[in-house]
Amino acid sequence: MHHNRTENWVVIKGTAKVTIGDKKMLLHEGESAFIPKATLHRLENLDKIPLEIIEVQNGEYVGEDDIIRFEDKYGRVKPAN
């Protein structure tokens, strides 16, 4: 989630499973999804074909510290002390 920016994801190659809030969808090449500010979102590749997307960020601030992670199976979230 981000407090200060919206995002738009455009699939260039592959198929993306996209979750935006409670809505889940599959996006194929040439399709896109808009993510409003303060909305939980997730992007997944369910295929063996590499997923390539273009992400466009728009807002008053797009710094990395505006990323709020609620779950992270890749170890990027530091445990709370």
PDB file of N, CA and C in Angstrom:
ATOM      1  N   MET A   1       0.851  -1.171   0.000  1.00  0.00           N
ATOM      2  CA  MET A   1       0.000   0.000   0.000  1.00  0.00           C
ATOM      3  C   MET A   1       0.897   1.234   0.000  1.00  0.00           C
ATOM      4  N   HIS A   2       0.378   2.308  -0.544  1.00  0.00           N
ATOM      5  CA  HIS A   2       1.098   3.577  -0.563  1.00  0.00           C
ATOM      6  C   HIS A   2       0.126   4.695  -0.173  1.00  0.00           C
ATOM      7  N   HIS A   3       0.585   5.596   0.658  1.00  0.00           N
ATOM      8  CA  HIS A   3      -0.264   6.718   1.060  1.00  0.00           C
ATOM      9  C   HIS A   3      -0.199   7.886   0.081  1.00  0.00           C
ATOM     10  N   ASN A   4       0.907   7.993  -0.662  1.00  0.00           N
ATOM     11  CA  ASN A   4       1.151   9.213  -1.432  1.00  0.00           C
ATOM     12  C   ASN A   4       1.152   9.041  -2.938  1.00  0.00           C
ATOM     13  N   ARG A   5       0.818   7.866  -3.446  1.00  0.00           N
ATOM     14  CA  ARG A   5       0.867   7.669  -4.891  1.00  0.00           C
ATOM     15  C   ARG A   5      -0.138   6.629  -5.367  1.00  0.00           C
ATOM     16  N   THR A   6      -0.506   6.777  -6.616  1.00  0.00           N
ATOM     17  CA  THR A   6      -1.256   5.748  -7.320  1.00  0.00           C
ATOM     18  C   THR A   6      -0.264   4.997  -8.200  1.00  0.00           C
ATOM     19  N   GLU A   7      -0.678   3.830  -8.680  1.00  0.00           N
ATOM     20  CA  GLU A   7       0.153   3.071  -9.605  1.00  0.00           C
ATOM     21  C   GLU A   7      -0.712   2.546 -10.733  1.00  0.00           C
ATOM     22  N   ASN A   8      -0.083   2.367 -11.867  1.00  0.00           N
ATOM     23  CA  ASN A   8      -0.725   1.708 -13.000  1.00  0.00           C
ATOM     24  C   ASN A   8       0.236   0.638 -13.483  1.00  0.00           C
ATOM     25  N   TRP A   9      -0.225  -0.612 -13.558  1.00  0.00           N
ATOM     26  CA  TRP A   9       0.587  -1.724 -14.033  1.00  0.00           C
ATOM     27  C   TRP A   9       0.126  -2.110 -15.426  1.00  0.00           C
ATOM     28  N   VAL A  10       1.048  -2.209 -16.355  1.00  0.00           N
ATOM     29  CA  VAL A  10       0.757  -2.649 -17.720  1.00  0.00           C
ATOM     30  C   VAL A  10       1.575  -3.912 -17.972  1.00  0.00           C
ATOM     31  N   VAL A  11       0.903  -5.000 -18.354  1.00  0.00           N
ATOM     32  CA  VAL A  11       1.604  -6.257 -18.627  1.00  0.00           C
ATOM     33  C   VAL A  11       2.187  -6.204 -20.031  1.00  0.00           C
ATOM     34  N   ILE A  12       3.489  -6.418 -20.111  1.00  0.00           N
ATOM     35  CA  ILE A  12       4.205  -6.416 -21.382  1.00  0.00           C
ATOM     36  C   ILE A  12       4.405  -7.848 -21.880  1.00  0.00           C
ATOM     37  N   LYS A  13       4.656  -8.770 -20.941  1.00  0.00           N
ATOM     38  CA  LYS A  13       4.888 -10.173 -21.295  1.00  0.00           C
ATOM     39  C   LYS A  13       4.382 -11.059 -20.167  1.00  0.00           C
ATOM     40  N   GLY A  14       3.705 -12.145 -20.513  1.00  0.00           N
ATOM     41  CA  GLY A  14       3.227 -13.094 -19.513  1.00  0.00           C
ATOM     42  C   GLY A  14       1.817 -12.773 -19.058  1.00  0.00           C
ATOM     43  N   THR A  15       1.450 -13.410 -17.956  1.00  0.00           N
ATOM     44  CA  THR A  15       0.136 -13.213 -17.350  1.00  0.00           C
ATOM     45  C   THR A  15       0.325 -12.905 -15.877  1.00  0.00           C
ATOM     46  N   ALA A  16      -0.333 -11.869 -15.387  1.00  0.00           N
ATOM     47  CA  ALA A  16      -0.212 -11.449 -13.990  1.00  0.00           C
ATOM     48  C   ALA A  16      -1.503 -11.731 -13.241  1.00  0.00           C
ATOM     49  N   LYS A  17      -1.368 -12.260 -12.045  1.00  0.00           N
ATOM     50  CA  LYS A  17      -2.501 -12.316 -11.119  1.00  0.00           C
ATOM     51  C   LYS A  17      -2.386 -11.060 -10.264  1.00  0.00           C
ATOM     52  N   VAL A  18      -3.410 -10.234 -10.317  1.00  0.00           N
ATOM     53  CA  VAL A  18      -3.394  -8.949  -9.632  1.00  0.00           C
ATOM     54  C   VAL A  18      -4.512  -8.927  -8.595  1.00  0.00           C
ATOM     55  N   THR A  19      -4.169  -8.505  -7.393  1.00  0.00           N
ATOM     56  CA  THR A  19      -5.155  -8.291  -6.347  1.00  0.00           C
ATOM     57  C   THR A  19      -5.116  -6.813  -5.988  1.00  0.00           C
ATOM     58  N   ILE A  20      -6.273  -6.159  -6.063  1.00  0.00           N
ATOM     59  CA  ILE A  20      -6.413  -4.751  -5.696  1.00  0.00           C
ATOM     60  C   ILE A  20      -7.592  -4.679  -4.735  1.00  0.00           C
ATOM     61  N   GLY A  21      -7.296  -4.438  -3.458  1.00  0.00           N
ATOM     62  CA  GLY A  21      -8.357  -4.501  -2.456  1.00  0.00           C
ATOM     63  C   GLY A  21      -8.899  -5.929  -2.410  1.00  0.00           C
ATOM     64  N   ASP A  22     -10.214  -6.085  -2.547  1.00  0.00           N
ATOM     65  CA  ASP A  22     -10.852  -7.399  -2.539  1.00  0.00           C
ATOM     66  C   ASP A  22     -11.001  -7.996  -3.933  1.00  0.00           C
ATOM     67  N   LYS A  23     -10.604  -7.255  -4.951  1.00  0.00           N
ATOM     68  CA  LYS A  23     -10.789  -7.688  -6.341  1.00  0.00           C
ATOM     69  C   LYS A  23      -9.552  -8.425  -6.847  1.00  0.00           C
ATOM     70  N   LYS A  24      -9.762  -9.604  -7.465  1.00  0.00           N
ATOM     71  CA  LYS A  24      -8.681 -10.380  -8.065  1.00  0.00           C
ATOM     72  C   LYS A  24      -8.955 -10.509  -9.555  1.00  0.00           C
ATOM     73  N   MET A  25      -7.884 -10.415 -10.360  1.00  0.00           N
ATOM     74  CA  MET A  25      -8.048 -10.521 -11.811  1.00  0.00           C
ATOM     75  C   MET A  25      -6.778 -11.059 -12.439  1.00  0.00           C
ATOM     76  N   LEU A  26      -6.913 -11.590 -13.633  1.00  0.00           N
ATOM     77  CA  LEU A  26      -5.765 -11.980 -14.434  1.00  0.00           C
ATOM     78  C   LEU A  26      -5.580 -10.938 -15.518  1.00  0.00           C
ATOM     79  N   LEU A  27      -4.359 -10.483 -15.690  1.00  0.00           N
ATOM     80  CA  LEU A  27      -4.032  -9.527 -16.745  1.00  0.00           C
ATOM     81  C   LEU A  27      -3.093 -10.193 -17.729  1.00  0.00           C
ATOM     82  N   HIS A  28      -3.392 -10.039 -19.008  1.00  0.00           N
ATOM     83  CA  HIS A  28      -2.590 -10.601 -20.082  1.00  0.00           C
ATOM     84  C   HIS A  28      -1.852  -9.463 -20.784  1.00  0.00           C
ATOM     85  N   GLU A  29      -0.978  -9.825 -21.714  1.00  0.00           N
ATOM     86  CA  GLU A  29      -0.192  -8.828 -22.435  1.00  0.00           C
ATOM     87  C   GLU A  29      -1.071  -7.716 -22.994  1.00  0.00           C
ATOM     88  N   GLY A  30      -0.670  -6.473 -22.757  1.00  0.00           N
ATOM     89  CA  GLY A  30      -1.407  -5.318 -23.245  1.00  0.00           C
ATOM     90  C   GLY A  30      -2.511  -4.837 -22.323  1.00  0.00           C
ATOM     91  N   GLU A  31      -2.798  -5.570 -21.258  1.00  0.00           N
ATOM     92  CA  GLU A  31      -3.843  -5.160 -20.311  1.00  0.00           C
ATOM     93  C   GLU A  31      -3.206  -4.446 -19.124  1.00  0.00           C
ATOM     94  N   SER A  32      -4.018  -3.655 -18.420  1.00  0.00           N
ATOM     95  CA  SER A  32      -3.480  -2.869 -17.319  1.00  0.00           C
ATOM     96  C   SER A  32      -4.443  -2.827 -16.146  1.00  0.00           C
ATOM     97  N   ALA A  33      -3.908  -2.392 -15.006  1.00  0.00           N
ATOM     98  CA  ALA A  33      -4.703  -2.231 -13.782  1.00  0.00           C
ATOM     99  C   ALA A  33      -4.274  -0.947 -13.091  1.00  0.00           C
ATOM    100  N   PHE A  34      -5.241  -0.240 -12.534  1.00  0.00           N
ATOM    101  CA  PHE A  34      -4.996   0.995 -11.794  1.00  0.00           C
ATOM    102  C   PHE A  34      -5.128   0.702 -10.305  1.00  0.00           C
ATOM    103  N   ILE A  35      -4.158   1.178  -9.517  1.00  0.00           N
ATOM    104  CA  ILE A  35      -4.172   0.996  -8.072  1.00  0.00           C
ATOM    105  C   ILE A  35      -4.286   2.370  -7.419  1.00  0.00           C
ATOM    106  N   PRO A  36      -5.426   2.657  -6.771  1.00  0.00           N
ATOM    107  CA  PRO A  36      -5.597   3.950  -6.087  1.00  0.00           C
ATOM    108  C   PRO A  36      -4.702   4.053  -4.845  1.00  0.00           C
ATOM    109  N   LYS A  37      -4.506   5.266  -4.367  1.00  0.00           N
ATOM    110  CA  LYS A  37      -3.778   5.487  -3.111  1.00  0.00           C
ATOM    111  C   LYS A  37      -4.447   4.696  -1.988  1.00  0.00           C
ATOM    112  N   ALA A  38      -3.636   4.293  -1.015  1.00  0.00           N
ATOM    113  CA  ALA A  38      -4.104   3.648   0.215  1.00  0.00           C
ATOM    114  C   ALA A  38      -4.926   2.385  -0.039  1.00  0.00           C
ATOM    115  N   THR A  39      -4.594   1.665  -1.102  1.00  0.00           N
ATOM    116  CA  THR A  39      -5.307   0.426  -1.429  1.00  0.00           C
ATOM    117  C   THR A  39      -4.317  -0.730  -1.409  1.00  0.00           C
ATOM    118  N   LEU A  40      -4.641  -1.782  -0.662  1.00  0.00           N
ATOM    119  CA  LEU A  40      -3.788  -2.967  -0.646  1.00  0.00           C
ATOM    120  C   LEU A  40      -3.730  -3.545  -2.048  1.00  0.00           C
ATOM    121  N   HIS A  41      -2.544  -3.971  -2.466  1.00  0.00           N
ATOM    122  CA  HIS A  41      -2.402  -4.554  -3.796  1.00  0.00           C
ATOM    123  C   HIS A  41      -1.261  -5.551  -3.814  1.00  0.00           C
ATOM    124  N   ARG A  42      -1.369  -6.486  -4.766  1.00  0.00           N
ATOM    125  CA  ARG A  42      -0.375  -7.547  -4.895  1.00  0.00           C
ATOM    126  C   ARG A  42      -0.278  -7.963  -6.351  1.00  0.00           C
ATOM    127  N   LEU A  43       0.919  -8.320  -6.779  1.00  0.00           N
ATOM    128  CA  LEU A  43       1.181  -8.770  -8.145  1.00  0.00           C
ATOM    129  C   LEU A  43       1.861 -10.127  -8.051  1.00  0.00           C
ATOM    130  N   GLU A  44       1.355 -11.108  -8.813  1.00  0.00           N
ATOM    131  CA  GLU A  44       1.932 -12.451  -8.794  1.00  0.00           C
ATOM    132  C   GLU A  44       2.095 -12.981 -10.218  1.00  0.00           C
ATOM    133  N   ASN A  45       3.124 -13.786 -10.407  1.00  0.00           N
ATOM    134  CA  ASN A  45       3.315 -14.506 -11.655  1.00  0.00           C
ATOM    135  C   ASN A  45       3.000 -15.967 -11.380  1.00  0.00           C
ATOM    136  N   LEU A  46       1.946 -16.498 -11.986  1.00  0.00           N
ATOM    137  CA  LEU A  46       1.539 -17.877 -11.760  1.00  0.00           C
ATOM    138  C   LEU A  46       2.063 -18.825 -12.827  1.00  0.00           C
ATOM    139  N   ASP A  47       2.861 -18.318 -13.748  1.00  0.00           N
ATOM    140  CA  ASP A  47       3.309 -19.100 -14.892  1.00  0.00           C
ATOM    141  C   ASP A  47       4.823 -19.273 -14.868  1.00  0.00           C
ATOM    142  N   LYS A  48       5.320 -20.169 -15.722  1.00  0.00           N
ATOM    143  CA  LYS A  48       6.768 -20.338 -15.860  1.00  0.00           C
ATOM    144  C   LYS A  48       7.375 -19.284 -16.774  1.00  0.00           C
ATOM    145  N   ILE A  49       6.542 -18.647 -17.595  1.00  0.00           N
ATOM    146  CA  ILE A  49       7.002 -17.570 -18.470  1.00  0.00           C
ATOM    147  C   ILE A  49       7.300 -16.348 -17.598  1.00  0.00           C
ATOM    148  N   PRO A  50       8.455 -15.719 -17.763  1.00  0.00           N
ATOM    149  CA  PRO A  50       8.747 -14.518 -16.968  1.00  0.00           C
ATOM    150  C   PRO A  50       7.675 -13.440 -17.194  1.00  0.00           C
ATOM    151  N   LEU A  51       7.291 -12.795 -16.118  1.00  0.00           N
ATOM    152  CA  LEU A  51       6.319 -11.706 -16.167  1.00  0.00           C
ATOM    153  C   LEU A  51       7.072 -10.394 -16.294  1.00  0.00           C
ATOM    154  N   GLU A  52       6.700  -9.596 -17.285  1.00  0.00           N
ATOM    155  CA  GLU A  52       7.285  -8.267 -17.452  1.00  0.00           C
ATOM    156  C   GLU A  52       6.162  -7.248 -17.425  1.00  0.00           C
ATOM    157  N   ILE A  53       6.334  -6.224 -16.599  1.00  0.00           N
ATOM    158  CA  ILE A  53       5.335  -5.159 -16.505  1.00  0.00           C
ATOM    159  C   ILE A  53       6.023  -3.810 -16.571  1.00  0.00           C
ATOM    160  N   ILE A  54       5.239  -2.807 -16.879  1.00  0.00           N
ATOM    161  CA  ILE A  54       5.649  -1.419 -16.705  1.00  0.00           C
ATOM    162  C   ILE A  54       4.804  -0.882 -15.555  1.00  0.00           C
ATOM    163  N   GLU A  55       5.456  -0.270 -14.582  1.00  0.00           N
ATOM    164  CA  GLU A  55       4.747   0.328 -13.450  1.00  0.00           C
ATOM    165  C   GLU A  55       4.906   1.838 -13.539  1.00  0.00           C
ATOM    166  N   VAL A  56       3.798   2.535 -13.595  1.00  0.00           N
ATOM    167  CA  VAL A  56       3.802   3.993 -13.610  1.00  0.00           C
ATOM    168  C   VAL A  56       3.296   4.475 -12.258  1.00  0.00           C
ATOM    169  N   GLN A  57       4.118   5.254 -11.565  1.00  0.00           N
ATOM    170  CA  GLN A  57       3.756   5.803 -10.264  1.00  0.00           C
ATOM    171  C   GLN A  57       3.444   7.281 -10.431  1.00  0.00           C
ATOM    172  N   ASN A  58       2.375   7.717  -9.782  1.00  0.00           N
ATOM    173  CA  ASN A  58       1.975   9.117  -9.899  1.00  0.00           C
ATOM    174  C   ASN A  58       1.521   9.608  -8.534  1.00  0.00           C
ATOM    175  N   GLY A  59       2.114  10.706  -8.076  1.00  0.00           N
ATOM    176  CA  GLY A  59       1.707  11.258  -6.793  1.00  0.00           C
ATOM    177  C   GLY A  59       2.672  12.308  -6.320  1.00  0.00           C
ATOM    178  N   GLU A  60       2.347  12.866  -5.171  1.00  0.00           N
ATOM    179  CA  GLU A  60       3.174  13.938  -4.630  1.00  0.00           C
ATOM    180  C   GLU A  60       4.491  13.429  -4.055  1.00  0.00           C
ATOM    181  N   TYR A  61       4.582  12.090  -3.804  1.00  0.00           N
ATOM    182  CA  TYR A  61       5.820  11.497  -3.293  1.00  0.00           C
ATOM    183  C   TYR A  61       5.862  10.038  -3.725  1.00  0.00           C
ATOM    184  N   VAL A  62       6.985   9.605  -4.309  1.00  0.00           N
ATOM    185  CA  VAL A  62       7.099   8.225  -4.795  1.00  0.00           C
ATOM    186  C   VAL A  62       8.332   7.514  -4.214  1.00  0.00           C
ATOM    187  N   GLY A  63       8.798   7.948  -3.052  1.00  0.00           N
ATOM    188  CA  GLY A  63       9.968   7.337  -2.416  1.00  0.00           C
ATOM    189  C   GLY A  63       9.684   5.936  -1.898  1.00  0.00           C
ATOM    190  N   GLU A  64      10.760   5.162  -1.754  1.00  0.00           N
ATOM    191  CA  GLU A  64      10.641   3.776  -1.284  1.00  0.00           C
ATOM    192  C   GLU A  64      10.046   3.685   0.124  1.00  0.00           C
ATOM    193  N   ASP A  65      10.211   4.713   0.945  1.00  0.00           N
ATOM    194  CA  ASP A  65       9.669   4.648   2.300  1.00  0.00           C
ATOM    195  C   ASP A  65       8.160   4.871   2.339  1.00  0.00           C
ATOM    196  N   ASP A  66       7.515   5.012   1.184  1.00  0.00           N
ATOM    197  CA  ASP A  66       6.048   5.071   1.113  1.00  0.00           C
ATOM    198  C   ASP A  66       5.460   3.683   0.823  1.00  0.00           C
ATOM    199  N   ILE A  67       6.298   2.655   0.847  1.00  0.00           N
ATOM    200  CA  ILE A  67       5.812   1.285   0.660  1.00  0.00           C
ATOM    201  C   ILE A  67       5.497   0.702   2.025  1.00  0.00           C
ATOM    202  N   ILE A  68       4.249   0.288   2.211  1.00  0.00           N
ATOM    203  CA  ILE A  68       3.815  -0.340   3.453  1.00  0.00           C
ATOM    204  C   ILE A  68       3.510  -1.796   3.136  1.00  0.00           C
ATOM    205  N   ARG A  69       4.320  -2.714   3.672  1.00  0.00           N
ATOM    206  CA  ARG A  69       4.146  -4.142   3.404  1.00  0.00           C
ATOM    207  C   ARG A  69       3.388  -4.790   4.556  1.00  0.00           C
ATOM    208  N   PHE A  70       2.371  -5.561   4.227  1.00  0.00           N
ATOM    209  CA  PHE A  70       1.579  -6.269   5.221  1.00  0.00           C
ATOM    210  C   PHE A  70       1.978  -7.737   5.309  1.00  0.00           C
ATOM    211  N   GLU A  71       2.546  -8.245   4.225  1.00  0.00           N
ATOM    212  CA  GLU A  71       3.027  -9.618   4.153  1.00  0.00           C
ATOM    213  C   GLU A  71       4.152  -9.625   3.136  1.00  0.00           C
ATOM    214  N   ASP A  72       5.181 -10.439   3.377  1.00  0.00           N
ATOM    215  CA  ASP A  72       6.303 -10.448   2.448  1.00  0.00           C
ATOM    216  C   ASP A  72       7.034 -11.779   2.530  1.00  0.00           C
ATOM    217  N   LYS A  73       6.766 -12.660   1.574  1.00  0.00           N
ATOM    218  CA  LYS A  73       7.419 -13.963   1.577  1.00  0.00           C
ATOM    219  C   LYS A  73       8.858 -13.890   1.064  1.00  0.00           C
ATOM    220  N   TYR A  74       9.314 -12.705   0.664  1.00  0.00           N
ATOM    221  CA  TYR A  74      10.665 -12.531   0.140  1.00  0.00           C
ATOM    222  C   TYR A  74      11.637 -11.937   1.151  1.00  0.00           C
ATOM    223  N   GLY A  75      11.190 -11.757   2.381  1.00  0.00           N
ATOM    224  CA  GLY A  75      12.078 -11.309   3.436  1.00  0.00           C
ATOM    225  C   GLY A  75      12.443  -9.840   3.418  1.00  0.00           C
ATOM    226  N   ARG A  76      11.637  -9.002   2.771  1.00  0.00           N
ATOM    227  CA  ARG A  76      11.952  -7.571   2.731  1.00  0.00           C
ATOM    228  C   ARG A  76      11.405  -6.819   3.937  1.00  0.00           C
ATOM    229  N   VAL A  77      10.497  -7.431   4.684  1.00  0.00           N
ATOM    230  CA  VAL A  77       9.919  -6.775   5.868  1.00  0.00           C
ATOM    231  C   VAL A  77      10.751  -7.167   7.084  1.00  0.00           C
ATOM    232  N   LYS A  78      11.156  -6.154   7.836  1.00  0.00           N
ATOM    233  CA  LYS A  78      11.886  -6.412   9.061  1.00  0.00           C
ATOM    234  C   LYS A  78      10.895  -6.679  10.178  1.00  0.00           C
ATOM    235  N   PRO A  79      11.142  -7.697  11.013  1.00  0.00           N
ATOM    236  CA  PRO A  79      10.211  -7.969  12.109  1.00  0.00           C
ATOM    237  C   PRO A  79      10.122  -6.803  13.085  1.00  0.00           C
ATOM    238  N   ALA A  80       8.940  -6.599  13.631  1.00  0.00           N
ATOM    239  CA  ALA A  80       8.745  -5.521  14.627  1.00  0.00           C
ATOM    240  C   ALA A  80       9.487  -5.887  15.910  1.00  0.00           C
ATOM    241  N   ASN A  81      10.086  -4.892  16.558  1.00  0.00           N
ATOM    242  CA  ASN A  81      10.812  -5.127  17.815  1.00  0.00           C
ATOM    243  C   ASN A  81       9.889  -5.167  18.984  1.00  0.00           C
TER     244      ASN A  81
END
